[in-house]
Amino acid sequence: MAKHRRQATSNTRRVATTAALAATAAVTVPATAQGAEVVIPNTNFSMHIQGVENVPGIRNLPGIEAYVPSLAGQGAAQTNYTANVTVPAPAPAVGSSAGERVVAAARSAIGAPYGWGAAGPSSFDCSGLTSWAYAQVGKSIPRTSQAQAAAGQRVPLDQIQPGDIVAYYGGASHVGIYAGNGVIIDALNSGSTVGERPLHYMPIHSVVRF
């Protein structure tokens, strides 16, 4: 019984490989390309597939000669055909969490100068940066550091996630946005610019999530 199962599995793999070759040729090779015979090893099944010999890199596949006999002895020979394949641009990160998008907004402000009472887009104070970054993803949060620390949902430090707001010092007089990997993004003080700093650069008051 086990022998029959192994044989069935092997045949299934061969069929899948042949189907993959056919699909690849259909997608990447023009219909005018020369065809070749493709077989399923150890069976009587074969088919003629247009352009299979011109699939990019096909000669480098281990054991390909068993499926496309006409390639036998050709090794890694080069072909003059260049596949006309358009590589799509990366899709927008639709699945990104709101926190990750908040981090991306804050990161876009890196290098902007500190300005007391400023809430962007060209300069920021600490809570101005956090409220501005949240606004970029459609979330309205309190404007001051103390109000942000009081209004957000408290999160244990060991459960911190990107996008959470970290409040510092005893009176929550400073805030930054946790960016992951033990780093925050903040507008620190006069004379500095928005930048990244270690999470524990200052004494932590609390971590909150909106």
N, C-alpha and C. Protein backbone atom coordinates (compact mmCIF):
# COMPACT_ATOMS: atom_id res chain seq x y z
N MET A 1 0.84 -1.21 0.00
CA MET A 1 0.00 0.00 0.00
C MET A 1 0.87 1.25 0.00
N ALA A 2 1.92 1.25 0.88
CA ALA A 2 2.81 2.41 0.96
C ALA A 2 3.50 2.65 -0.37
N LYS A 3 3.87 1.53 -1.03
CA LYS A 3 4.54 1.65 -2.33
C LYS A 3 3.62 2.33 -3.33
N HIS A 4 2.34 1.95 -3.35
CA HIS A 4 1.38 2.56 -4.28
C HIS A 4 1.20 4.04 -3.97
N ARG A 5 1.17 4.37 -2.66
CA ARG A 5 1.01 5.79 -2.30
C ARG A 5 2.20 6.61 -2.79
N ARG A 6 3.42 6.04 -2.61
CA ARG A 6 4.61 6.77 -3.06
C ARG A 6 4.59 6.96 -4.56
N GLN A 7 4.15 5.90 -5.28
CA GLN A 7 4.10 6.00 -6.73
C GLN A 7 3.07 7.04 -7.16
N ALA A 8 1.91 7.07 -6.49
CA ALA A 8 0.88 8.05 -6.83
C ALA A 8 1.37 9.46 -6.56
N THR A 9 2.06 9.63 -5.44
CA THR A 9 2.59 10.95 -5.11
C THR A 9 3.60 11.40 -6.14
N SER A 10 4.47 10.46 -6.56
CA SER A 10 5.48 10.77 -7.56
C SER A 10 4.84 11.18 -8.87
N ASN A 11 3.80 10.45 -9.29
CA ASN A 11 3.10 10.78 -10.53
C ASN A 11 2.43 12.14 -10.43
N THR A 12 1.84 12.42 -9.27
CA THR A 12 1.19 13.72 -9.07
C THR A 12 2.20 14.86 -9.23
N ARG A 13 3.39 14.65 -8.66
CA ARG A 13 4.42 15.68 -8.78
C ARG A 13 4.84 15.89 -10.23
N ARG A 14 4.95 14.80 -10.97
CA ARG A 14 5.33 14.92 -12.38
C ARG A 14 4.28 15.69 -13.17
N VAL A 15 3.01 15.36 -12.92
CA VAL A 15 1.93 16.07 -13.60
C VAL A 15 1.96 17.55 -13.24
N ALA A 16 2.18 17.85 -11.96
CA ALA A 16 2.22 19.25 -11.52
C ALA A 16 3.36 19.99 -12.19
N THR A 17 4.51 19.34 -12.31
CA THR A 17 5.66 19.97 -12.96
C THR A 17 5.35 20.28 -14.41
N THR A 18 4.74 19.32 -15.11
CA THR A 18 4.39 19.52 -16.51
C THR A 18 3.39 20.65 -16.66
N ALA A 19 2.39 20.68 -15.79
CA ALA A 19 1.40 21.76 -15.85
C ALA A 19 2.04 23.11 -15.60
N ALA A 20 3.01 23.15 -14.68
CA ALA A 20 3.69 24.41 -14.38
C ALA A 20 4.48 24.89 -15.59
N LEU A 21 5.13 23.96 -16.30
CA LEU A 21 5.86 24.34 -17.51
C LEU A 21 4.93 24.93 -18.55
N ALA A 22 3.78 24.30 -18.72
CA ALA A 22 2.81 24.80 -19.69
C ALA A 22 2.32 26.18 -19.32
N ALA A 23 2.01 26.38 -18.05
CA ALA A 23 1.50 27.68 -17.60
C ALA A 23 2.55 28.76 -17.75
N THR A 24 3.81 28.44 -17.41
CA THR A 24 4.88 29.42 -17.52
C THR A 24 5.10 29.83 -18.97
N ALA A 25 5.11 28.85 -19.86
CA ALA A 25 5.29 29.16 -21.27
C ALA A 25 4.16 30.02 -21.80
N ALA A 26 2.94 29.74 -21.36
CA ALA A 26 1.79 30.50 -21.83
C ALA A 26 1.85 31.95 -21.39
N VAL A 27 2.39 32.18 -20.19
CA VAL A 27 2.41 33.54 -19.65
C VAL A 27 3.58 34.35 -20.17
N THR A 28 4.78 33.71 -20.29
CA THR A 28 6.00 34.48 -20.54
C THR A 28 6.49 34.47 -21.97
N VAL A 29 5.97 33.58 -22.82
CA VAL A 29 6.53 33.42 -24.15
C VAL A 29 5.49 33.76 -25.21
N PRO A 30 5.86 34.54 -26.24
CA PRO A 30 4.91 34.87 -27.30
C PRO A 30 4.41 33.63 -28.02
N ALA A 31 3.20 33.72 -28.54
CA ALA A 31 2.60 32.58 -29.22
C ALA A 31 3.36 32.20 -30.48
N THR A 32 4.17 33.13 -31.03
CA THR A 32 4.92 32.85 -32.25
C THR A 32 6.17 32.03 -32.00
N ALA A 33 6.54 31.80 -30.73
CA ALA A 33 7.75 31.05 -30.41
C ALA A 33 7.59 29.60 -30.84
N GLN A 34 8.75 28.97 -31.15
CA GLN A 34 8.73 27.57 -31.59
C GLN A 34 8.29 26.65 -30.47
N GLY A 35 7.55 25.60 -30.82
CA GLY A 35 7.06 24.67 -29.81
C GLY A 35 7.99 23.50 -29.59
N ALA A 36 7.70 22.73 -28.55
CA ALA A 36 8.48 21.53 -28.25
C ALA A 36 7.59 20.53 -27.54
N GLU A 37 8.00 19.25 -27.60
CA GLU A 37 7.24 18.20 -26.94
C GLU A 37 7.59 18.18 -25.45
N VAL A 38 6.56 18.11 -24.61
CA VAL A 38 6.72 18.00 -23.17
C VAL A 38 6.06 16.70 -22.74
N VAL A 39 6.79 15.91 -21.94
CA VAL A 39 6.27 14.60 -21.53
C VAL A 39 6.20 14.52 -20.02
N ILE A 40 5.37 13.60 -19.53
CA ILE A 40 5.37 13.24 -18.11
C ILE A 40 6.17 11.96 -17.99
N PRO A 41 7.34 12.00 -17.33
CA PRO A 41 8.20 10.82 -17.26
C PRO A 41 7.47 9.58 -16.75
N ASN A 42 7.84 8.43 -17.29
CA ASN A 42 7.31 7.12 -16.89
C ASN A 42 5.82 6.96 -17.20
N THR A 43 5.33 7.76 -18.14
CA THR A 43 3.94 7.61 -18.60
C THR A 43 3.95 7.70 -20.13
N ASN A 44 2.80 7.48 -20.72
CA ASN A 44 2.67 7.62 -22.17
C ASN A 44 2.12 8.98 -22.56
N PHE A 45 2.04 9.88 -21.58
CA PHE A 45 1.42 11.18 -21.84
C PHE A 45 2.46 12.17 -22.36
N SER A 46 2.09 12.91 -23.38
CA SER A 46 2.95 13.99 -23.88
C SER A 46 2.06 15.07 -24.48
N MET A 47 2.63 16.25 -24.63
CA MET A 47 1.89 17.35 -25.25
C MET A 47 2.88 18.27 -25.95
N HIS A 48 2.39 19.02 -26.90
CA HIS A 48 3.21 19.99 -27.62
C HIS A 48 2.90 21.37 -27.06
N ILE A 49 3.92 22.01 -26.47
CA ILE A 49 3.72 23.31 -25.83
C ILE A 49 4.50 24.37 -26.58
N GLN A 50 3.79 25.41 -27.00
CA GLN A 50 4.40 26.50 -27.74
C GLN A 50 5.37 27.28 -26.85
N GLY A 51 6.62 27.40 -27.29
CA GLY A 51 7.57 28.28 -26.63
C GLY A 51 8.20 27.77 -25.36
N VAL A 52 8.00 26.50 -25.01
CA VAL A 52 8.52 26.02 -23.73
C VAL A 52 10.04 26.09 -23.68
N GLU A 53 10.70 25.88 -24.83
CA GLU A 53 12.17 25.93 -24.84
C GLU A 53 12.71 27.33 -24.56
N ASN A 54 11.86 28.33 -24.75
CA ASN A 54 12.31 29.71 -24.57
C ASN A 54 11.94 30.30 -23.22
N VAL A 55 11.38 29.49 -22.33
CA VAL A 55 11.10 29.98 -20.98
C VAL A 55 12.42 30.35 -20.32
N PRO A 56 12.57 31.59 -19.83
CA PRO A 56 13.85 32.01 -19.25
C PRO A 56 14.31 31.08 -18.13
N GLY A 57 15.57 30.63 -18.21
CA GLY A 57 16.17 29.82 -17.16
C GLY A 57 15.79 28.35 -17.18
N ILE A 58 15.00 27.93 -18.17
CA ILE A 58 14.49 26.56 -18.15
C ILE A 58 15.62 25.53 -18.24
N ARG A 59 16.71 25.88 -18.96
CA ARG A 59 17.81 24.93 -19.13
C ARG A 59 18.60 24.72 -17.84
N ASN A 60 18.39 25.59 -16.86
CA ASN A 60 19.10 25.46 -15.59
C ASN A 60 18.35 24.60 -14.58
N LEU A 61 17.13 24.19 -14.90
CA LEU A 61 16.33 23.40 -13.96
C LEU A 61 16.85 21.97 -13.90
N PRO A 62 17.11 21.44 -12.71
CA PRO A 62 17.59 20.05 -12.58
C PRO A 62 16.58 19.07 -13.17
N GLY A 63 17.07 18.16 -14.00
CA GLY A 63 16.22 17.10 -14.54
C GLY A 63 15.22 17.56 -15.58
N ILE A 64 15.39 18.77 -16.12
CA ILE A 64 14.40 19.28 -17.07
C ILE A 64 14.34 18.44 -18.34
N GLU A 65 15.48 17.77 -18.68
CA GLU A 65 15.51 16.97 -19.91
C GLU A 65 14.49 15.83 -19.88
N ALA A 66 14.12 15.39 -18.66
CA ALA A 66 13.14 14.31 -18.55
C ALA A 66 11.76 14.77 -18.98
N TYR A 67 11.52 16.08 -18.88
CA TYR A 67 10.22 16.63 -19.25
C TYR A 67 10.23 17.22 -20.66
N VAL A 68 11.36 17.79 -21.06
CA VAL A 68 11.48 18.37 -22.40
C VAL A 68 12.67 17.71 -23.07
N PRO A 69 12.47 16.57 -23.74
CA PRO A 69 13.58 15.80 -24.30
C PRO A 69 14.44 16.60 -25.27
N SER A 70 13.87 17.57 -25.95
CA SER A 70 14.64 18.33 -26.93
C SER A 70 15.73 19.17 -26.29
N LEU A 71 15.67 19.33 -24.96
CA LEU A 71 16.70 20.11 -24.27
C LEU A 71 17.88 19.26 -23.85
N ALA A 72 17.81 17.96 -24.06
CA ALA A 72 18.88 17.06 -23.62
C ALA A 72 20.20 17.46 -24.25
N GLY A 73 21.24 17.54 -23.42
CA GLY A 73 22.58 17.86 -23.90
C GLY A 73 22.83 19.33 -24.12
N GLN A 74 21.85 20.17 -23.87
CA GLN A 74 22.04 21.60 -24.10
C GLN A 74 22.55 22.32 -22.87
N GLY A 75 22.48 21.65 -21.68
CA GLY A 75 22.99 22.26 -20.46
C GLY A 75 22.37 23.61 -20.22
N ALA A 76 23.21 24.55 -19.83
CA ALA A 76 22.73 25.90 -19.52
C ALA A 76 22.92 26.82 -20.70
N ALA A 77 22.66 26.31 -21.90
CA ALA A 77 22.85 27.13 -23.09
C ALA A 77 21.97 28.35 -23.03
N GLN A 78 22.48 29.42 -23.59
CA GLN A 78 21.74 30.68 -23.56
C GLN A 78 20.78 30.74 -24.73
N THR A 79 19.72 31.46 -24.60
CA THR A 79 18.75 31.67 -25.66
C THR A 79 18.72 33.13 -26.03
N ASN A 80 18.39 33.40 -27.29
CA ASN A 80 18.33 34.79 -27.75
C ASN A 80 17.02 35.45 -27.37
N TYR A 81 16.11 34.67 -26.79
CA TYR A 81 14.80 35.22 -26.45
C TYR A 81 14.84 35.97 -25.14
N THR A 82 14.25 37.11 -25.11
CA THR A 82 14.10 37.89 -23.88
C THR A 82 12.62 37.97 -23.56
N ALA A 83 12.23 37.47 -22.42
CA ALA A 83 10.81 37.45 -22.06
C ALA A 83 10.28 38.86 -21.95
N ASN A 84 9.12 39.06 -22.50
CA ASN A 84 8.47 40.37 -22.44
C ASN A 84 7.55 40.38 -21.23
N VAL A 85 8.15 40.47 -20.04
CA VAL A 85 7.40 40.41 -18.80
C VAL A 85 7.46 41.76 -18.11
N THR A 86 6.33 42.29 -17.77
CA THR A 86 6.28 43.55 -17.04
C THR A 86 6.21 43.27 -15.56
N VAL A 87 7.17 43.80 -14.82
CA VAL A 87 7.19 43.61 -13.37
C VAL A 87 6.35 44.71 -12.74
N PRO A 88 5.26 44.36 -12.07
CA PRO A 88 4.40 45.39 -11.49
C PRO A 88 5.08 46.11 -10.35
N ALA A 89 4.70 47.37 -10.15
CA ALA A 89 5.21 48.13 -9.01
C ALA A 89 4.69 47.51 -7.73
N PRO A 90 5.46 47.62 -6.64
CA PRO A 90 4.99 47.08 -5.36
C PRO A 90 3.63 47.66 -4.98
N ALA A 91 2.76 46.80 -4.54
CA ALA A 91 1.43 47.26 -4.13
C ALA A 91 1.54 48.05 -2.83
N PRO A 92 0.69 49.04 -2.64
CA PRO A 92 0.71 49.78 -1.38
C PRO A 92 0.43 48.85 -0.21
N ALA A 93 0.99 49.18 0.92
CA ALA A 93 0.87 48.31 2.10
C ALA A 93 -0.51 48.44 2.73
N VAL A 94 -1.50 47.90 2.00
CA VAL A 94 -2.87 48.01 2.47
C VAL A 94 -3.04 47.31 3.81
N GLY A 95 -2.30 46.23 4.00
CA GLY A 95 -2.45 45.46 5.23
C GLY A 95 -1.69 46.01 6.42
N SER A 96 -0.95 47.11 6.23
CA SER A 96 -0.19 47.66 7.34
C SER A 96 -1.12 48.10 8.45
N SER A 97 -0.69 47.90 9.68
CA SER A 97 -1.50 48.32 10.82
C SER A 97 -1.50 49.83 10.92
N ALA A 98 -2.49 50.37 11.64
CA ALA A 98 -2.55 51.81 11.86
C ALA A 98 -1.28 52.29 12.55
N GLY A 99 -0.78 51.48 13.50
CA GLY A 99 0.43 51.86 14.21
C GLY A 99 1.62 52.00 13.28
N GLU A 100 1.77 51.08 12.34
CA GLU A 100 2.88 51.14 11.39
C GLU A 100 2.76 52.36 10.49
N ARG A 101 1.52 52.74 10.16
CA ARG A 101 1.33 53.93 9.33
C ARG A 101 1.62 55.20 10.13
N VAL A 102 1.32 55.18 11.42
CA VAL A 102 1.68 56.31 12.28
C VAL A 102 3.20 56.46 12.31
N VAL A 103 3.90 55.34 12.45
CA VAL A 103 5.36 55.37 12.46
C VAL A 103 5.89 55.93 11.14
N ALA A 104 5.30 55.49 10.03
CA ALA A 104 5.75 55.98 8.73
C ALA A 104 5.57 57.49 8.62
N ALA A 105 4.45 58.00 9.15
CA ALA A 105 4.23 59.45 9.13
C ALA A 105 5.28 60.16 9.97
N ALA A 106 5.52 59.64 11.17
CA ALA A 106 6.52 60.26 12.05
C ALA A 106 7.90 60.22 11.41
N ARG A 107 8.21 59.11 10.78
CA ARG A 107 9.53 58.98 10.14
C ARG A 107 9.69 59.98 9.00
N SER A 108 8.60 60.31 8.33
CA SER A 108 8.69 61.28 7.23
C SER A 108 9.05 62.67 7.74
N ALA A 109 8.89 62.90 9.04
CA ALA A 109 9.20 64.21 9.62
C ALA A 109 10.62 64.29 10.17
N ILE A 110 11.36 63.18 10.11
CA ILE A 110 12.73 63.19 10.64
C ILE A 110 13.56 64.27 9.95
N GLY A 111 14.25 65.04 10.76
CA GLY A 111 15.06 66.15 10.24
C GLY A 111 14.39 67.50 10.38
N ALA A 112 13.07 67.50 10.63
CA ALA A 112 12.37 68.78 10.82
C ALA A 112 12.81 69.40 12.15
N PRO A 113 12.95 70.73 12.21
CA PRO A 113 13.43 71.36 13.44
C PRO A 113 12.40 71.37 14.56
N TYR A 114 12.89 71.39 15.79
CA TYR A 114 12.01 71.53 16.94
C TYR A 114 11.50 72.96 17.00
N GLY A 115 10.22 73.10 17.32
CA GLY A 115 9.63 74.43 17.52
C GLY A 115 8.61 74.35 18.63
N TRP A 116 8.82 75.11 19.69
CA TRP A 116 7.90 75.03 20.83
C TRP A 116 6.50 75.42 20.39
N GLY A 117 5.52 74.56 20.68
CA GLY A 117 4.13 74.81 20.30
C GLY A 117 3.82 74.47 18.85
N ALA A 118 4.82 73.97 18.09
CA ALA A 118 4.61 73.69 16.66
C ALA A 118 4.05 72.29 16.46
N ALA A 119 3.11 72.19 15.55
CA ALA A 119 2.47 70.89 15.26
C ALA A 119 2.55 70.55 13.79
N GLY A 120 3.66 70.93 13.13
CA GLY A 120 3.90 70.55 11.75
C GLY A 120 3.25 71.48 10.74
N PRO A 121 3.49 71.23 9.48
CA PRO A 121 4.30 70.11 8.99
C PRO A 121 5.80 70.40 8.86
N SER A 122 6.21 71.68 9.10
CA SER A 122 7.63 72.00 8.90
C SER A 122 8.44 72.00 10.19
N SER A 123 7.80 72.11 11.34
CA SER A 123 8.49 72.04 12.63
C SER A 123 7.53 71.47 13.66
N PHE A 124 8.09 70.96 14.75
CA PHE A 124 7.28 70.25 15.74
C PHE A 124 7.84 70.43 17.14
N ASP A 125 6.92 70.38 18.13
CA ASP A 125 7.37 70.05 19.48
C ASP A 125 6.97 68.60 19.71
N CYS A 126 7.23 68.06 20.90
CA CYS A 126 7.06 66.61 21.07
C CYS A 126 5.62 66.14 20.84
N SER A 127 4.67 66.79 21.49
CA SER A 127 3.28 66.36 21.34
C SER A 127 2.70 66.84 20.01
N GLY A 128 3.29 67.88 19.44
CA GLY A 128 2.87 68.31 18.11
C GLY A 128 3.19 67.24 17.08
N LEU A 129 4.35 66.58 17.24
CA LEU A 129 4.73 65.51 16.32
C LEU A 129 3.79 64.31 16.46
N THR A 130 3.53 63.90 17.70
CA THR A 130 2.68 62.73 17.89
C THR A 130 1.25 62.97 17.38
N SER A 131 0.70 64.14 17.69
CA SER A 131 -0.67 64.42 17.24
C SER A 131 -0.72 64.57 15.72
N TRP A 132 0.32 65.16 15.14
CA TRP A 132 0.37 65.30 13.67
C TRP A 132 0.47 63.93 13.00
N ALA A 133 1.33 63.05 13.52
CA ALA A 133 1.49 61.73 12.91
C ALA A 133 0.19 60.94 12.95
N TYR A 134 -0.52 61.03 14.06
CA TYR A 134 -1.81 60.34 14.15
C TYR A 134 -2.83 60.95 13.20
N ALA A 135 -2.78 62.26 13.04
CA ALA A 135 -3.72 62.92 12.13
C ALA A 135 -3.52 62.45 10.70
N GLN A 136 -2.29 62.07 10.34
CA GLN A 136 -2.02 61.62 8.97
C GLN A 136 -2.71 60.30 8.65
N VAL A 137 -3.10 59.55 9.67
CA VAL A 137 -3.83 58.30 9.42
C VAL A 137 -5.29 58.42 9.85
N GLY A 138 -5.74 59.67 10.03
CA GLY A 138 -7.14 59.91 10.31
C GLY A 138 -7.55 59.78 11.76
N LYS A 139 -6.58 59.83 12.68
CA LYS A 139 -6.91 59.74 14.10
C LYS A 139 -6.63 61.06 14.80
N SER A 140 -7.61 61.52 15.56
CA SER A 140 -7.45 62.76 16.33
C SER A 140 -7.17 62.39 17.78
N ILE A 141 -6.05 62.89 18.31
CA ILE A 141 -5.71 62.63 19.71
C ILE A 141 -5.45 63.97 20.40
N PRO A 142 -5.45 64.00 21.73
CA PRO A 142 -5.20 65.26 22.44
C PRO A 142 -3.88 65.89 22.02
N ARG A 143 -3.77 67.19 22.24
CA ARG A 143 -2.62 67.94 21.73
C ARG A 143 -1.41 67.91 22.66
N THR A 144 -1.59 67.89 23.96
CA THR A 144 -0.45 68.00 24.87
C THR A 144 0.03 66.63 25.34
N SER A 145 1.26 66.58 25.79
CA SER A 145 1.83 65.30 26.23
C SER A 145 1.08 64.72 27.42
N GLN A 146 0.73 65.57 28.40
CA GLN A 146 0.00 65.08 29.57
C GLN A 146 -1.37 64.55 29.18
N ALA A 147 -2.06 65.26 28.28
CA ALA A 147 -3.39 64.83 27.86
C ALA A 147 -3.32 63.53 27.07
N GLN A 148 -2.29 63.38 26.25
CA GLN A 148 -2.13 62.14 25.50
C GLN A 148 -1.89 60.96 26.43
N ALA A 149 -1.04 61.16 27.43
CA ALA A 149 -0.75 60.09 28.38
C ALA A 149 -1.99 59.70 29.18
N ALA A 150 -2.86 60.68 29.44
CA ALA A 150 -4.06 60.41 30.23
C ALA A 150 -5.17 59.78 29.40
N ALA A 151 -5.24 60.14 28.12
CA ALA A 151 -6.38 59.71 27.30
C ALA A 151 -6.17 58.34 26.64
N GLY A 152 -4.93 57.98 26.38
CA GLY A 152 -4.68 56.71 25.69
C GLY A 152 -4.89 55.51 26.60
N GLN A 153 -5.03 54.35 25.98
CA GLN A 153 -5.17 53.10 26.73
C GLN A 153 -3.79 52.66 27.21
N ARG A 154 -3.64 52.48 28.51
CA ARG A 154 -2.35 52.08 29.07
C ARG A 154 -1.95 50.70 28.55
N VAL A 155 -0.68 50.57 28.21
CA VAL A 155 -0.14 49.32 27.69
C VAL A 155 1.09 48.95 28.50
N PRO A 156 1.20 47.70 28.96
CA PRO A 156 2.43 47.29 29.65
C PRO A 156 3.64 47.46 28.73
N LEU A 157 4.75 47.85 29.30
CA LEU A 157 5.94 48.11 28.50
C LEU A 157 6.36 46.88 27.69
N ASP A 158 6.15 45.70 28.24
CA ASP A 158 6.56 44.50 27.51
C ASP A 158 5.59 44.12 26.39
N GLN A 159 4.51 44.90 26.23
CA GLN A 159 3.56 44.66 25.14
C GLN A 159 3.53 45.83 24.16
N ILE A 160 4.53 46.68 24.23
CA ILE A 160 4.58 47.86 23.37
C ILE A 160 4.63 47.46 21.90
N GLN A 161 3.95 48.24 21.04
CA GLN A 161 3.90 47.98 19.61
C GLN A 161 4.21 49.26 18.85
N PRO A 162 4.68 49.13 17.59
CA PRO A 162 4.92 50.33 16.78
C PRO A 162 3.66 51.19 16.69
N GLY A 163 3.85 52.49 16.87
CA GLY A 163 2.73 53.43 16.84
C GLY A 163 2.26 53.83 18.22
N ASP A 164 2.61 53.07 19.25
CA ASP A 164 2.24 53.45 20.62
C ASP A 164 2.98 54.73 21.01
N ILE A 165 2.35 55.51 21.87
CA ILE A 165 2.97 56.73 22.37
C ILE A 165 3.64 56.44 23.70
N VAL A 166 4.90 56.85 23.82
CA VAL A 166 5.66 56.67 25.05
C VAL A 166 5.79 58.02 25.73
N ALA A 167 5.30 58.11 26.97
CA ALA A 167 5.41 59.34 27.75
C ALA A 167 6.60 59.21 28.70
N TYR A 168 7.29 60.33 28.92
CA TYR A 168 8.51 60.31 29.72
C TYR A 168 8.43 61.28 30.90
N TYR A 169 9.26 60.99 31.88
CA TYR A 169 9.41 61.78 33.10
C TYR A 169 8.15 61.67 33.98
N GLY A 170 8.30 62.07 35.23
CA GLY A 170 7.24 61.89 36.21
C GLY A 170 5.93 62.54 35.84
N GLY A 171 5.98 63.69 35.20
CA GLY A 171 4.74 64.38 34.84
C GLY A 171 4.31 64.19 33.40
N ALA A 172 4.86 63.18 32.72
CA ALA A 172 4.54 62.95 31.31
C ALA A 172 4.78 64.21 30.49
N SER A 173 5.93 64.85 30.75
CA SER A 173 6.22 66.13 30.10
C SER A 173 6.81 65.98 28.70
N HIS A 174 7.08 64.75 28.30
CA HIS A 174 7.63 64.52 26.96
C HIS A 174 7.01 63.24 26.39
N VAL A 175 6.80 63.24 25.06
CA VAL A 175 6.24 62.05 24.40
C VAL A 175 6.99 61.77 23.10
N GLY A 176 6.97 60.52 22.71
CA GLY A 176 7.51 60.10 21.43
C GLY A 176 6.70 58.94 20.91
N ILE A 177 6.95 58.55 19.67
CA ILE A 177 6.23 57.44 19.03
C ILE A 177 7.16 56.24 18.93
N TYR A 178 6.71 55.12 19.47
CA TYR A 178 7.53 53.92 19.39
C TYR A 178 7.56 53.42 17.95
N ALA A 179 8.79 53.21 17.43
CA ALA A 179 8.95 52.82 16.03
C ALA A 179 9.32 51.35 15.86
N GLY A 180 9.46 50.63 16.97
CA GLY A 180 9.89 49.24 16.90
C GLY A 180 11.39 49.11 17.10
N ASN A 181 11.84 47.90 17.39
CA ASN A 181 13.26 47.61 17.56
C ASN A 181 13.93 48.47 18.62
N GLY A 182 13.18 48.79 19.68
CA GLY A 182 13.76 49.53 20.79
C GLY A 182 14.07 50.98 20.49
N VAL A 183 13.33 51.57 19.56
CA VAL A 183 13.60 52.95 19.11
C VAL A 183 12.31 53.76 19.14
N ILE A 184 12.42 55.06 19.50
CA ILE A 184 11.30 55.98 19.37
C ILE A 184 11.67 57.06 18.36
N ILE A 185 10.64 57.74 17.86
CA ILE A 185 10.83 58.94 17.04
C ILE A 185 10.21 60.09 17.82
N ASP A 186 10.98 61.15 18.03
CA ASP A 186 10.44 62.28 18.80
C ASP A 186 11.06 63.60 18.38
N ALA A 187 10.44 64.67 18.86
CA ALA A 187 11.00 66.02 18.75
C ALA A 187 11.47 66.37 20.15
N LEU A 188 12.77 66.36 20.38
CA LEU A 188 13.29 66.35 21.74
C LEU A 188 13.26 67.70 22.43
N ASN A 189 13.96 68.66 21.88
CA ASN A 189 14.03 69.97 22.55
C ASN A 189 14.56 71.02 21.59
N SER A 190 14.58 72.26 22.06
CA SER A 190 15.04 73.38 21.24
C SER A 190 16.47 73.15 20.78
N GLY A 191 16.72 73.41 19.51
CA GLY A 191 18.05 73.21 18.95
C GLY A 191 18.26 71.85 18.34
N SER A 192 17.29 70.94 18.50
CA SER A 192 17.41 69.60 17.92
C SER A 192 16.41 69.45 16.78
N THR A 193 16.45 68.32 16.13
CA THR A 193 15.51 68.01 15.06
C THR A 193 14.78 66.72 15.39
N VAL A 194 13.68 66.48 14.70
CA VAL A 194 12.97 65.22 14.85
C VAL A 194 13.92 64.08 14.47
N GLY A 195 13.98 63.06 15.31
CA GLY A 195 14.90 61.96 15.03
C GLY A 195 14.58 60.73 15.84
N GLU A 196 15.39 59.72 15.66
CA GLU A 196 15.23 58.46 16.39
C GLU A 196 16.14 58.43 17.60
N ARG A 197 15.61 57.87 18.70
CA ARG A 197 16.38 57.73 19.93
C ARG A 197 16.04 56.39 20.57
N PRO A 198 16.93 55.88 21.42
CA PRO A 198 16.61 54.63 22.12
C PRO A 198 15.38 54.79 23.01
N LEU A 199 14.59 53.74 23.10
CA LEU A 199 13.37 53.76 23.91
C LEU A 199 13.66 54.21 25.34
N HIS A 200 14.76 53.76 25.90
CA HIS A 200 15.08 54.06 27.31
C HIS A 200 16.03 55.24 27.45
N TYR A 201 16.04 56.12 26.46
CA TYR A 201 16.90 57.30 26.51
C TYR A 201 16.54 58.20 27.69
N MET A 202 15.26 58.20 28.08
CA MET A 202 14.76 58.99 29.20
C MET A 202 13.92 58.09 30.10
N PRO A 203 13.69 58.47 31.35
CA PRO A 203 12.85 57.64 32.23
C PRO A 203 11.41 57.59 31.72
N ILE A 204 10.89 56.38 31.58
CA ILE A 204 9.56 56.19 31.00
C ILE A 204 8.48 56.38 32.05
N HIS A 205 7.49 57.19 31.71
CA HIS A 205 6.32 57.40 32.56
C HIS A 205 5.25 56.35 32.27
N SER A 206 4.92 56.18 30.98
CA SER A 206 3.87 55.24 30.60
C SER A 206 3.90 55.02 29.09
N VAL A 207 3.19 53.98 28.67
CA VAL A 207 2.99 53.69 27.25
C VAL A 207 1.48 53.65 27.02
N VAL A 208 1.01 54.36 26.00
CA VAL A 208 -0.44 54.39 25.72
C VAL A 208 -0.69 54.10 24.25
N ARG A 209 -1.88 53.62 23.99
CA ARG A 209 -2.28 53.25 22.63
C ARG A 209 -3.61 53.90 22.30
N PHE A 210 -3.73 54.40 21.08
CA PHE A 210 -5.00 55.01 20.63
C PHE A 210 -5.62 54.18 19.52
